[in-house]
């Protein structure tokens, strides 16, 4: 029997380490006078049932999961503005604590469903009792609007086992365009929004220091 608990330990470790690193970056921005491109960070290791289901769909033998499945560990960085995504991408490209394996731009090249996000596949080194282990981690970077839409689509995909009725597909596509228009509008007023957020932040800091 496959020992999934042992197998997934390095992936859980990678997720926790990367969450700490990106949350640390967010905190550094917050303590400075600069706008933080990171709104929040989440992470997860794919559930065993999902791993098995995907392996069956993709005809991946269990012995090849480490090499052929790049999203066992996942990190999601959510931003306020589309421009923040580019800031994060450039920052990640300069990092030396992991290696970029692949980049997939689903923002400028959206999926047929309407899905938008920027994916980066990393090779991340994890220290284990057997030595250093390089594992794949999928990093998703998206705006709040993109994330809301993707969360709804994921729920519907789960409910309908990946076979969403055509009527709902059309509604989702329209909703995806509405979310994209929201991002476009927010980009037009982002400087005003940032200025307002800085005023609020300074007010709270002043109250906390009194």
N, C-alpha and C. Protein backbone atom coordinates (compact mmCIF):
# COMPACT_ATOMS: atom_id res chain seq x y z
N UNK A 1 0.85 -1.21 0.00
CA UNK A 1 0.00 0.00 0.00
C UNK A 1 0.88 1.26 0.00
N UNK A 2 0.51 2.25 -0.80
CA UNK A 2 1.28 3.47 -0.93
C UNK A 2 1.19 4.27 0.37
N UNK A 3 2.34 4.69 0.91
CA UNK A 3 2.37 5.47 2.15
C UNK A 3 2.29 6.96 1.80
N UNK A 4 1.06 7.45 1.65
CA UNK A 4 0.85 8.83 1.21
C UNK A 4 1.32 9.84 2.24
N UNK A 5 1.13 9.55 3.53
CA UNK A 5 1.53 10.49 4.58
C UNK A 5 3.03 10.79 4.49
N UNK A 6 3.82 9.76 4.34
CA UNK A 6 5.27 9.93 4.24
C UNK A 6 5.65 10.62 2.93
N UNK A 7 5.01 10.20 1.86
CA UNK A 7 5.32 10.75 0.54
C UNK A 7 5.07 12.25 0.47
N UNK A 8 4.01 12.73 1.12
CA UNK A 8 3.61 14.13 1.00
C UNK A 8 4.28 15.07 2.00
N UNK A 9 5.05 14.53 2.94
CA UNK A 9 5.70 15.38 3.93
C UNK A 9 6.56 16.48 3.29
N UNK A 10 7.43 16.19 2.32
CA UNK A 10 8.24 17.26 1.72
C UNK A 10 7.40 18.33 1.03
N UNK A 11 6.26 17.93 0.47
CA UNK A 11 5.38 18.89 -0.21
C UNK A 11 4.73 19.82 0.81
N UNK A 12 4.32 19.25 1.95
CA UNK A 12 3.76 20.08 3.01
C UNK A 12 4.80 21.05 3.54
N UNK A 13 6.03 20.57 3.66
CA UNK A 13 7.12 21.42 4.13
C UNK A 13 7.37 22.57 3.16
N UNK A 14 7.38 22.26 1.86
CA UNK A 14 7.61 23.29 0.84
C UNK A 14 6.53 24.36 0.89
N UNK A 15 5.28 23.94 1.03
CA UNK A 15 4.16 24.88 1.10
C UNK A 15 4.31 25.80 2.30
N UNK A 16 4.62 25.24 3.46
CA UNK A 16 4.74 26.06 4.67
C UNK A 16 5.91 27.03 4.56
N UNK A 17 7.04 26.57 4.02
CA UNK A 17 8.20 27.44 3.88
C UNK A 17 7.93 28.60 2.92
N UNK A 18 7.30 28.29 1.79
CA UNK A 18 7.03 29.34 0.81
C UNK A 18 5.97 30.32 1.31
N UNK A 19 4.98 29.84 2.03
CA UNK A 19 3.98 30.74 2.62
C UNK A 19 4.65 31.73 3.57
N UNK A 20 5.56 31.24 4.38
CA UNK A 20 6.27 32.11 5.32
C UNK A 20 7.09 33.15 4.56
N UNK A 21 7.76 32.72 3.50
CA UNK A 21 8.60 33.64 2.72
C UNK A 21 7.78 34.74 2.06
N UNK A 22 6.67 34.38 1.42
CA UNK A 22 5.87 35.38 0.72
C UNK A 22 5.09 36.27 1.70
N UNK A 23 4.68 35.70 2.82
CA UNK A 23 4.04 36.54 3.84
C UNK A 23 5.04 37.51 4.45
N UNK A 24 6.30 37.08 4.55
CA UNK A 24 7.34 37.96 5.03
C UNK A 24 7.57 39.13 4.08
N UNK A 25 7.51 38.85 2.79
CA UNK A 25 7.65 39.92 1.79
C UNK A 25 6.50 40.91 1.93
N UNK A 26 5.29 40.37 2.10
CA UNK A 26 4.12 41.23 2.27
C UNK A 26 4.29 42.15 3.48
N UNK A 27 4.78 41.59 4.58
CA UNK A 27 4.96 42.37 5.81
C UNK A 27 6.02 43.46 5.61
N UNK A 28 7.09 43.13 4.87
CA UNK A 28 8.12 44.14 4.61
C UNK A 28 7.55 45.32 3.84
N UNK A 29 6.71 45.03 2.85
CA UNK A 29 6.06 46.11 2.09
C UNK A 29 5.16 46.94 3.02
N UNK A 30 4.41 46.25 3.89
CA UNK A 30 3.48 46.94 4.77
C UNK A 30 4.19 47.87 5.74
N UNK A 31 5.40 47.48 6.15
CA UNK A 31 6.16 48.31 7.10
C UNK A 31 6.88 49.46 6.41
N UNK A 32 6.90 49.42 5.09
CA UNK A 32 7.53 50.50 4.33
C UNK A 32 6.43 51.44 3.82
N UNK A 33 6.84 52.43 3.06
CA UNK A 33 5.87 53.38 2.51
C UNK A 33 5.38 52.94 1.13
N UNK A 34 5.85 51.76 0.68
CA UNK A 34 5.49 51.28 -0.66
C UNK A 34 4.19 50.48 -0.63
N UNK A 35 3.50 50.49 -1.77
CA UNK A 35 2.30 49.67 -1.93
C UNK A 35 2.70 48.20 -1.96
N UNK A 36 1.99 47.35 -1.21
CA UNK A 36 2.30 45.93 -1.25
C UNK A 36 1.56 45.26 -2.40
N UNK A 37 2.28 44.56 -3.28
CA UNK A 37 1.61 43.88 -4.39
C UNK A 37 0.92 42.59 -3.96
N UNK A 38 1.14 42.17 -2.71
CA UNK A 38 0.55 40.92 -2.22
C UNK A 38 -0.59 41.23 -1.26
N UNK A 39 -1.80 40.83 -1.62
CA UNK A 39 -2.95 41.02 -0.74
C UNK A 39 -3.01 39.89 0.30
N UNK A 40 -2.92 38.65 -0.17
CA UNK A 40 -2.81 37.53 0.77
C UNK A 40 -2.19 36.32 0.06
N UNK A 41 -1.73 35.36 0.87
CA UNK A 41 -1.06 34.16 0.38
C UNK A 41 -1.73 32.94 1.00
N UNK A 42 -2.01 31.94 0.17
CA UNK A 42 -2.53 30.67 0.67
C UNK A 42 -1.71 29.54 0.05
N UNK A 43 -1.84 28.37 0.62
CA UNK A 43 -1.13 27.22 0.08
C UNK A 43 -1.82 25.93 0.46
N UNK A 44 -1.56 24.90 -0.32
CA UNK A 44 -2.17 23.60 -0.03
C UNK A 44 -1.38 22.49 -0.72
N UNK A 45 -1.52 21.29 -0.16
CA UNK A 45 -1.04 20.08 -0.81
C UNK A 45 -2.27 19.36 -1.35
N UNK A 46 -2.19 18.92 -2.59
CA UNK A 46 -3.34 18.28 -3.22
C UNK A 46 -3.79 17.07 -2.41
N UNK A 47 -5.10 16.95 -2.13
CA UNK A 47 -5.61 15.79 -1.39
C UNK A 47 -5.31 14.49 -2.13
N UNK A 48 -5.13 13.42 -1.38
CA UNK A 48 -4.77 12.13 -1.97
C UNK A 48 -5.81 11.68 -3.00
N UNK A 49 -7.10 11.88 -2.71
CA UNK A 49 -8.15 11.46 -3.65
C UNK A 49 -8.01 12.21 -4.97
N UNK A 50 -7.66 13.50 -4.90
CA UNK A 50 -7.47 14.29 -6.12
C UNK A 50 -6.24 13.84 -6.89
N UNK A 51 -5.20 13.46 -6.17
CA UNK A 51 -3.98 12.97 -6.82
C UNK A 51 -4.29 11.70 -7.60
N UNK A 52 -4.99 10.78 -6.96
CA UNK A 52 -5.32 9.50 -7.60
C UNK A 52 -6.22 9.72 -8.81
N UNK A 53 -7.23 10.60 -8.65
CA UNK A 53 -8.15 10.89 -9.76
C UNK A 53 -7.40 11.48 -10.95
N UNK A 54 -6.51 12.43 -10.68
CA UNK A 54 -5.76 13.05 -11.77
C UNK A 54 -4.81 12.06 -12.43
N UNK A 55 -4.19 11.22 -11.62
CA UNK A 55 -3.27 10.21 -12.17
C UNK A 55 -4.02 9.28 -13.13
N UNK A 56 -5.26 8.94 -12.77
CA UNK A 56 -6.07 8.08 -13.64
C UNK A 56 -6.44 8.80 -14.92
N UNK A 57 -6.87 10.07 -14.81
CA UNK A 57 -7.27 10.85 -15.98
C UNK A 57 -6.11 11.05 -16.94
N UNK A 58 -4.92 11.28 -16.39
CA UNK A 58 -3.75 11.59 -17.21
C UNK A 58 -2.90 10.36 -17.53
N UNK A 59 -3.38 9.19 -17.05
CA UNK A 59 -2.63 7.94 -17.25
C UNK A 59 -1.20 8.03 -16.71
N UNK A 60 -1.08 8.59 -15.50
CA UNK A 60 0.21 8.72 -14.84
C UNK A 60 0.36 7.59 -13.82
N UNK A 61 1.34 6.71 -13.97
CA UNK A 61 1.58 5.66 -12.98
C UNK A 61 1.96 6.27 -11.63
N UNK A 62 1.59 5.64 -10.53
CA UNK A 62 1.93 6.17 -9.21
C UNK A 62 3.44 6.34 -9.05
N UNK A 63 4.20 5.52 -9.73
CA UNK A 63 5.66 5.61 -9.64
C UNK A 63 6.22 6.84 -10.36
N UNK A 64 5.36 7.53 -11.15
CA UNK A 64 5.80 8.70 -11.92
C UNK A 64 5.19 10.01 -11.42
N UNK A 65 4.49 9.94 -10.31
CA UNK A 65 3.78 11.13 -9.83
C UNK A 65 4.74 12.29 -9.55
N UNK A 66 5.86 12.01 -8.89
CA UNK A 66 6.80 13.08 -8.56
C UNK A 66 7.31 13.81 -9.80
N UNK A 67 7.53 13.06 -10.88
CA UNK A 67 8.09 13.65 -12.09
C UNK A 67 7.04 14.26 -13.00
N UNK A 68 5.84 13.66 -13.04
CA UNK A 68 4.85 14.04 -14.04
C UNK A 68 3.69 14.89 -13.52
N UNK A 69 3.60 15.09 -12.20
CA UNK A 69 2.52 15.91 -11.65
C UNK A 69 3.15 17.11 -10.94
N UNK A 70 2.96 18.29 -11.53
CA UNK A 70 3.67 19.48 -11.06
C UNK A 70 2.89 20.31 -10.04
N UNK A 71 1.68 19.89 -9.70
CA UNK A 71 0.85 20.71 -8.80
C UNK A 71 0.48 19.99 -7.51
N UNK A 72 1.31 19.04 -7.07
CA UNK A 72 1.04 18.39 -5.79
C UNK A 72 1.10 19.42 -4.66
N UNK A 73 2.04 20.34 -4.77
CA UNK A 73 2.14 21.46 -3.83
C UNK A 73 1.75 22.72 -4.57
N UNK A 74 0.92 23.54 -3.95
CA UNK A 74 0.46 24.76 -4.61
C UNK A 74 0.48 25.96 -3.68
N UNK A 75 0.92 27.09 -4.22
CA UNK A 75 0.90 28.38 -3.52
C UNK A 75 0.10 29.35 -4.36
N UNK A 76 -0.76 30.11 -3.72
CA UNK A 76 -1.54 31.12 -4.44
C UNK A 76 -1.28 32.49 -3.83
N UNK A 77 -0.88 33.43 -4.70
CA UNK A 77 -0.67 34.81 -4.28
C UNK A 77 -1.77 35.65 -4.94
N UNK A 78 -2.52 36.36 -4.12
CA UNK A 78 -3.64 37.16 -4.63
C UNK A 78 -3.30 38.65 -4.46
N UNK A 79 -3.57 39.41 -5.52
CA UNK A 79 -3.23 40.83 -5.58
C UNK A 79 -4.49 41.69 -5.73
N UNK A 80 -4.32 42.98 -5.52
CA UNK A 80 -5.42 43.90 -5.76
C UNK A 80 -5.54 44.26 -7.24
N UNK A 81 -4.40 44.50 -7.88
CA UNK A 81 -4.40 45.02 -9.25
C UNK A 81 -3.63 44.10 -10.19
N UNK A 82 -4.01 44.14 -11.46
CA UNK A 82 -3.31 43.34 -12.48
C UNK A 82 -1.84 43.72 -12.53
N UNK A 83 -1.54 45.01 -12.37
CA UNK A 83 -0.15 45.47 -12.41
C UNK A 83 0.69 44.83 -11.31
N UNK A 84 0.06 44.50 -10.19
CA UNK A 84 0.78 43.86 -9.09
C UNK A 84 1.31 42.48 -9.50
N UNK A 85 0.59 41.82 -10.38
CA UNK A 85 1.01 40.49 -10.84
C UNK A 85 2.37 40.57 -11.51
N UNK A 86 2.56 41.58 -12.37
CA UNK A 86 3.85 41.75 -13.05
C UNK A 86 4.97 42.05 -12.05
N UNK A 87 4.66 42.82 -11.02
CA UNK A 87 5.65 43.12 -9.98
C UNK A 87 6.11 41.84 -9.29
N UNK A 88 5.15 40.98 -8.97
CA UNK A 88 5.48 39.72 -8.29
C UNK A 88 6.26 38.79 -9.20
N UNK A 89 5.86 38.71 -10.46
CA UNK A 89 6.56 37.84 -11.41
C UNK A 89 8.03 38.25 -11.52
N UNK A 90 8.28 39.55 -11.67
CA UNK A 90 9.66 40.01 -11.79
C UNK A 90 10.45 39.74 -10.52
N UNK A 91 9.79 39.88 -9.37
CA UNK A 91 10.45 39.61 -8.10
C UNK A 91 10.83 38.13 -8.00
N UNK A 92 9.92 37.26 -8.40
CA UNK A 92 10.17 35.82 -8.35
C UNK A 92 11.31 35.43 -9.28
N UNK A 93 11.38 36.05 -10.43
CA UNK A 93 12.45 35.74 -11.39
C UNK A 93 13.83 36.08 -10.85
N UNK A 94 13.89 36.98 -9.88
CA UNK A 94 15.18 37.37 -9.30
C UNK A 94 15.58 36.51 -8.11
N UNK A 95 14.69 35.67 -7.63
CA UNK A 95 14.98 34.83 -6.46
C UNK A 95 16.03 33.78 -6.80
N UNK A 96 16.81 33.40 -5.78
CA UNK A 96 17.83 32.38 -5.97
C UNK A 96 17.58 31.14 -5.12
N UNK A 97 16.49 31.14 -4.34
CA UNK A 97 16.22 30.00 -3.46
C UNK A 97 15.34 28.94 -4.11
N UNK A 98 15.00 29.13 -5.37
CA UNK A 98 14.30 28.11 -6.14
C UNK A 98 14.55 28.37 -7.62
N UNK A 99 14.16 27.42 -8.45
CA UNK A 99 14.38 27.53 -9.89
C UNK A 99 13.04 27.52 -10.62
N UNK A 100 12.87 28.45 -11.56
CA UNK A 100 11.66 28.48 -12.39
C UNK A 100 11.80 27.44 -13.49
N UNK A 101 10.81 26.55 -13.57
CA UNK A 101 10.81 25.49 -14.58
C UNK A 101 9.96 25.89 -15.78
N UNK A 102 8.82 26.53 -15.50
CA UNK A 102 7.88 26.87 -16.57
C UNK A 102 6.99 28.02 -16.14
N UNK A 103 6.58 28.84 -17.10
CA UNK A 103 5.62 29.91 -16.85
C UNK A 103 4.46 29.76 -17.83
N UNK A 104 3.23 29.95 -17.30
CA UNK A 104 2.05 29.85 -18.15
C UNK A 104 1.18 31.09 -17.92
N UNK A 105 1.03 31.87 -18.97
CA UNK A 105 0.28 33.12 -18.88
C UNK A 105 -1.17 32.91 -19.31
N UNK A 106 -2.03 32.70 -18.32
CA UNK A 106 -3.46 32.56 -18.60
C UNK A 106 -4.21 33.89 -18.40
N UNK A 107 -3.46 34.98 -18.32
CA UNK A 107 -4.10 36.30 -18.23
C UNK A 107 -4.21 36.90 -19.63
N UNK A 108 -3.09 36.95 -20.32
CA UNK A 108 -3.11 37.43 -21.71
C UNK A 108 -3.61 36.35 -22.67
N UNK A 109 -3.58 35.10 -22.22
CA UNK A 109 -4.05 33.98 -23.03
C UNK A 109 -5.00 33.14 -22.16
N UNK A 110 -6.17 33.69 -21.93
CA UNK A 110 -7.13 33.04 -21.03
C UNK A 110 -7.55 31.67 -21.57
N UNK A 111 -8.01 30.82 -20.64
CA UNK A 111 -8.53 29.52 -21.04
C UNK A 111 -9.92 29.70 -21.65
N UNK A 112 -10.38 28.69 -22.36
CA UNK A 112 -11.68 28.76 -23.03
C UNK A 112 -12.81 29.03 -22.04
N UNK A 113 -12.66 28.53 -20.83
CA UNK A 113 -13.69 28.70 -19.80
C UNK A 113 -13.80 30.14 -19.32
N UNK A 114 -12.73 30.93 -19.57
CA UNK A 114 -12.68 32.30 -19.07
C UNK A 114 -11.67 32.45 -17.95
N UNK A 115 -11.08 31.34 -17.53
CA UNK A 115 -10.10 31.33 -16.43
C UNK A 115 -8.91 32.21 -16.75
N UNK A 116 -8.55 33.06 -15.76
CA UNK A 116 -7.36 33.90 -15.88
C UNK A 116 -6.51 33.76 -14.62
N UNK A 117 -5.23 33.60 -14.82
CA UNK A 117 -4.27 33.52 -13.72
C UNK A 117 -2.89 33.39 -14.35
N UNK A 118 -1.85 33.65 -13.56
CA UNK A 118 -0.49 33.45 -14.05
C UNK A 118 0.13 32.32 -13.24
N UNK A 119 0.58 31.27 -13.94
CA UNK A 119 1.13 30.10 -13.26
C UNK A 119 2.65 30.04 -13.46
N UNK A 120 3.35 29.75 -12.38
CA UNK A 120 4.79 29.51 -12.45
C UNK A 120 5.08 28.19 -11.75
N UNK A 121 5.73 27.28 -12.46
CA UNK A 121 6.14 26.01 -11.86
C UNK A 121 7.57 26.16 -11.36
N UNK A 122 7.77 25.87 -10.08
CA UNK A 122 9.08 25.99 -9.46
C UNK A 122 9.67 24.62 -9.14
N UNK A 123 10.98 24.54 -9.10
CA UNK A 123 11.68 23.42 -8.48
C UNK A 123 12.22 23.97 -7.16
N UNK A 124 11.67 23.46 -6.06
CA UNK A 124 12.01 24.01 -4.75
C UNK A 124 12.77 22.97 -3.93
N UNK A 125 13.91 23.36 -3.34
CA UNK A 125 14.70 22.40 -2.55
C UNK A 125 14.18 22.28 -1.12
N UNK A 126 13.94 21.06 -0.70
CA UNK A 126 13.49 20.79 0.66
C UNK A 126 14.54 19.92 1.36
N UNK A 127 14.90 20.31 2.57
CA UNK A 127 15.85 19.51 3.35
C UNK A 127 15.10 18.41 4.08
N UNK A 128 15.43 17.17 3.80
CA UNK A 128 14.80 16.02 4.46
C UNK A 128 15.87 15.23 5.22
N UNK A 129 15.44 14.23 5.98
CA UNK A 129 16.40 13.42 6.73
C UNK A 129 17.28 12.59 5.79
N UNK A 130 16.83 12.46 4.54
CA UNK A 130 17.61 11.72 3.54
C UNK A 130 18.46 12.65 2.68
N UNK A 131 18.42 13.95 2.98
CA UNK A 131 19.16 14.93 2.20
C UNK A 131 18.24 15.88 1.46
N UNK A 132 18.84 16.68 0.59
CA UNK A 132 18.06 17.69 -0.15
C UNK A 132 17.22 17.01 -1.24
N UNK A 133 15.96 17.46 -1.33
CA UNK A 133 15.04 16.90 -2.32
C UNK A 133 14.42 18.04 -3.12
N UNK A 134 14.54 17.98 -4.43
CA UNK A 134 13.96 19.00 -5.32
C UNK A 134 12.55 18.57 -5.72
N UNK A 135 11.57 19.40 -5.39
CA UNK A 135 10.19 19.04 -5.73
C UNK A 135 9.52 20.17 -6.51
N UNK A 136 8.51 19.79 -7.27
CA UNK A 136 7.73 20.77 -8.03
C UNK A 136 6.72 21.48 -7.12
N UNK A 137 6.60 22.78 -7.32
CA UNK A 137 5.57 23.57 -6.66
C UNK A 137 4.93 24.46 -7.72
N UNK A 138 3.59 24.47 -7.77
CA UNK A 138 2.90 25.35 -8.71
C UNK A 138 2.48 26.62 -7.98
N UNK A 139 2.91 27.74 -8.53
CA UNK A 139 2.58 29.05 -7.97
C UNK A 139 1.55 29.73 -8.87
N UNK A 140 0.43 30.14 -8.28
CA UNK A 140 -0.62 30.85 -9.03
C UNK A 140 -0.68 32.29 -8.53
N UNK A 141 -0.67 33.23 -9.46
CA UNK A 141 -0.75 34.65 -9.12
C UNK A 141 -1.95 35.23 -9.84
N UNK A 142 -2.85 35.85 -9.08
CA UNK A 142 -4.08 36.38 -9.69
C UNK A 142 -4.63 37.54 -8.85
N UNK A 143 -5.56 38.27 -9.43
CA UNK A 143 -6.20 39.37 -8.70
C UNK A 143 -7.35 38.82 -7.85
N UNK A 144 -7.88 39.69 -7.00
CA UNK A 144 -9.03 39.32 -6.17
C UNK A 144 -10.21 38.91 -7.04
N UNK A 145 -10.44 39.65 -8.13
CA UNK A 145 -11.56 39.34 -9.02
C UNK A 145 -11.36 38.00 -9.70
N UNK A 146 -10.14 37.75 -10.19
CA UNK A 146 -9.83 36.46 -10.83
C UNK A 146 -10.00 35.32 -9.83
N UNK A 147 -9.58 35.56 -8.60
CA UNK A 147 -9.65 34.52 -7.58
C UNK A 147 -11.09 34.18 -7.22
N UNK A 148 -11.94 35.21 -7.14
CA UNK A 148 -13.36 34.97 -6.85
C UNK A 148 -13.98 34.11 -7.94
N UNK A 149 -13.72 34.48 -9.19
CA UNK A 149 -14.29 33.72 -10.31
C UNK A 149 -13.78 32.27 -10.30
N UNK A 150 -12.46 32.09 -10.09
CA UNK A 150 -11.87 30.75 -10.12
C UNK A 150 -12.42 29.88 -8.99
N UNK A 151 -12.70 30.50 -7.85
CA UNK A 151 -13.26 29.74 -6.72
C UNK A 151 -14.65 29.22 -7.05
N UNK A 152 -15.46 30.07 -7.69
CA UNK A 152 -16.81 29.65 -8.09
C UNK A 152 -16.75 28.56 -9.15
N UNK A 153 -15.87 28.73 -10.13
CA UNK A 153 -15.75 27.72 -11.19
C UNK A 153 -15.31 26.38 -10.62
N UNK A 154 -14.36 26.43 -9.67
CA UNK A 154 -13.87 25.19 -9.04
C UNK A 154 -15.00 24.46 -8.33
N UNK A 155 -15.84 25.23 -7.62
CA UNK A 155 -16.97 24.62 -6.91
C UNK A 155 -17.94 23.95 -7.87
N UNK A 156 -18.23 24.63 -8.99
CA UNK A 156 -19.15 24.05 -9.98
C UNK A 156 -18.54 22.83 -10.66
N UNK A 157 -17.24 22.88 -10.92
CA UNK A 157 -16.57 21.72 -11.51
C UNK A 157 -16.66 20.52 -10.58
N UNK A 158 -16.51 20.78 -9.31
CA UNK A 158 -16.60 19.69 -8.31
C UNK A 158 -18.02 19.13 -8.27
N UNK A 159 -19.00 20.04 -8.27
CA UNK A 159 -20.40 19.60 -8.19
C UNK A 159 -20.79 18.75 -9.39
N UNK A 160 -20.33 19.16 -10.58
CA UNK A 160 -20.73 18.48 -11.82
C UNK A 160 -19.65 17.53 -12.34
N UNK A 161 -18.68 17.20 -11.49
CA UNK A 161 -17.61 16.25 -11.85
C UNK A 161 -16.93 16.63 -13.16
N UNK A 162 -16.68 17.94 -13.33
CA UNK A 162 -15.97 18.42 -14.51
C UNK A 162 -16.84 18.59 -15.74
N UNK A 163 -18.13 18.25 -15.65
CA UNK A 163 -19.04 18.36 -16.79
C UNK A 163 -20.10 19.43 -16.50
N UNK A 164 -19.66 20.68 -16.45
CA UNK A 164 -20.58 21.78 -16.15
C UNK A 164 -21.56 21.94 -17.31
N UNK A 165 -22.88 22.04 -17.03
CA UNK A 165 -23.86 22.23 -18.09
C UNK A 165 -23.55 23.46 -18.95
N UNK A 166 -23.88 23.39 -20.22
CA UNK A 166 -23.54 24.45 -21.17
C UNK A 166 -24.10 25.80 -20.72
N UNK A 167 -25.29 25.78 -20.15
CA UNK A 167 -25.92 27.03 -19.70
C UNK A 167 -25.03 27.72 -18.67
N UNK A 168 -24.51 26.95 -17.71
CA UNK A 168 -23.64 27.53 -16.68
C UNK A 168 -22.29 27.94 -17.26
N UNK A 169 -21.80 27.19 -18.25
CA UNK A 169 -20.54 27.56 -18.89
C UNK A 169 -20.63 28.95 -19.51
N UNK A 170 -21.74 29.21 -20.18
CA UNK A 170 -21.93 30.51 -20.81
C UNK A 170 -22.02 31.62 -19.77
N UNK A 171 -22.72 31.34 -18.67
CA UNK A 171 -22.81 32.32 -17.60
C UNK A 171 -21.44 32.58 -16.97
N UNK A 172 -20.67 31.53 -16.81
CA UNK A 172 -19.32 31.67 -16.25
C UNK A 172 -18.42 32.49 -17.16
N UNK A 173 -18.54 32.27 -18.47
CA UNK A 173 -17.73 33.04 -19.42
C UNK A 173 -18.07 34.52 -19.34
N UNK A 174 -19.36 34.82 -19.23
CA UNK A 174 -19.77 36.23 -19.10
C UNK A 174 -19.28 36.81 -17.78
N UNK A 175 -19.35 36.02 -16.73
CA UNK A 175 -18.87 36.47 -15.42
C UNK A 175 -17.37 36.71 -15.45
N UNK A 176 -16.64 35.86 -16.20
CA UNK A 176 -15.19 36.03 -16.31
C UNK A 176 -14.86 37.36 -16.99
N UNK A 177 -15.62 37.71 -18.02
CA UNK A 177 -15.40 38.99 -18.71
C UNK A 177 -15.75 40.16 -17.81
N UNK A 178 -16.79 39.99 -16.99
CA UNK A 178 -17.17 41.05 -16.05
C UNK A 178 -16.07 41.25 -15.01
N UNK A 179 -15.48 40.14 -14.54
CA UNK A 179 -14.38 40.23 -13.57
C UNK A 179 -13.18 40.92 -14.20
N UNK A 180 -12.92 40.61 -15.48
CA UNK A 180 -11.80 41.24 -16.17
C UNK A 180 -12.04 42.74 -16.34
N UNK A 181 -13.27 43.12 -16.64
CA UNK A 181 -13.60 44.54 -16.76
C UNK A 181 -13.44 45.25 -15.42
N UNK A 182 -13.78 44.56 -14.34
CA UNK A 182 -13.58 45.13 -13.00
C UNK A 182 -12.10 45.40 -12.75
N UNK A 183 -11.25 44.44 -13.10
CA UNK A 183 -9.81 44.64 -12.96
C UNK A 183 -9.33 45.83 -13.80
N UNK A 184 -9.88 45.95 -15.01
CA UNK A 184 -9.49 47.06 -15.88
C UNK A 184 -9.87 48.41 -15.26
N UNK A 185 -11.08 48.47 -14.70
CA UNK A 185 -11.54 49.71 -14.08
C UNK A 185 -10.71 50.04 -12.85
N UNK A 186 -10.40 49.03 -12.04
CA UNK A 186 -9.61 49.26 -10.84
C UNK A 186 -8.20 49.74 -11.19
N UNK A 187 -7.67 49.26 -12.31
CA UNK A 187 -6.35 49.70 -12.75
C UNK A 187 -6.34 51.19 -13.08
N UNK A 188 -7.47 51.68 -13.59
CA UNK A 188 -7.57 53.09 -13.97
C UNK A 188 -7.53 54.00 -12.74
N UNK A 189 -7.99 53.50 -11.61
CA UNK A 189 -8.05 54.36 -10.41
C UNK A 189 -7.11 53.85 -9.31
N UNK A 190 -6.15 53.00 -9.66
CA UNK A 190 -5.32 52.36 -8.63
C UNK A 190 -4.51 53.36 -7.81
N UNK A 191 -4.05 54.46 -8.44
CA UNK A 191 -3.26 55.42 -7.68
C UNK A 191 -4.10 56.09 -6.59
N UNK A 192 -5.37 56.38 -6.92
CA UNK A 192 -6.27 56.96 -5.92
C UNK A 192 -6.53 55.96 -4.80
N UNK A 193 -6.73 54.70 -5.17
CA UNK A 193 -6.98 53.65 -4.17
C UNK A 193 -5.77 53.49 -3.26
N UNK A 194 -4.57 53.44 -3.84
CA UNK A 194 -3.35 53.29 -3.05
C UNK A 194 -3.18 54.44 -2.07
N UNK A 195 -3.43 55.67 -2.56
CA UNK A 195 -3.29 56.84 -1.70
C UNK A 195 -4.27 56.77 -0.53
N UNK A 196 -5.50 56.36 -0.82
CA UNK A 196 -6.50 56.24 0.24
C UNK A 196 -6.09 55.18 1.26
N UNK A 197 -5.54 54.06 0.80
CA UNK A 197 -5.11 52.99 1.70
C UNK A 197 -3.95 53.44 2.58
N UNK A 198 -3.04 54.24 2.01
CA UNK A 198 -1.92 54.74 2.80
C UNK A 198 -2.39 55.68 3.89
N UNK A 199 -3.39 56.52 3.58
CA UNK A 199 -3.95 57.44 4.58
C UNK A 199 -4.56 56.65 5.73
N UNK A 200 -5.32 55.60 5.38
CA UNK A 200 -5.96 54.77 6.41
C UNK A 200 -4.91 54.06 7.25
N UNK A 201 -3.87 53.53 6.58
CA UNK A 201 -2.81 52.80 7.28
C UNK A 201 -2.09 53.71 8.28
N UNK A 202 -1.78 54.94 7.84
CA UNK A 202 -1.09 55.88 8.72
C UNK A 202 -1.97 56.27 9.90
N UNK A 203 -3.28 56.36 9.66
CA UNK A 203 -4.21 56.70 10.74
C UNK A 203 -4.21 55.62 11.81
N UNK A 204 -4.28 54.36 11.38
CA UNK A 204 -4.29 53.24 12.33
C UNK A 204 -2.97 53.15 13.07
N UNK A 205 -1.86 53.39 12.37
CA UNK A 205 -0.55 53.36 13.02
C UNK A 205 -0.45 54.43 14.10
N UNK A 206 -1.00 55.61 13.78
CA UNK A 206 -0.96 56.71 14.75
C UNK A 206 -1.80 56.38 15.98
N UNK A 207 -2.98 55.80 15.74
CA UNK A 207 -3.86 55.43 16.86
C UNK A 207 -3.24 54.34 17.73
N UNK A 208 -2.55 53.40 17.09
CA UNK A 208 -1.94 52.29 17.84
C UNK A 208 -0.74 52.75 18.66
N UNK A 209 -0.11 53.86 18.24
CA UNK A 209 1.07 54.35 18.94
C UNK A 209 0.74 55.37 20.01
N UNK A 210 -0.53 55.77 20.06
CA UNK A 210 -0.92 56.77 21.09
C UNK A 210 -1.06 56.11 22.47
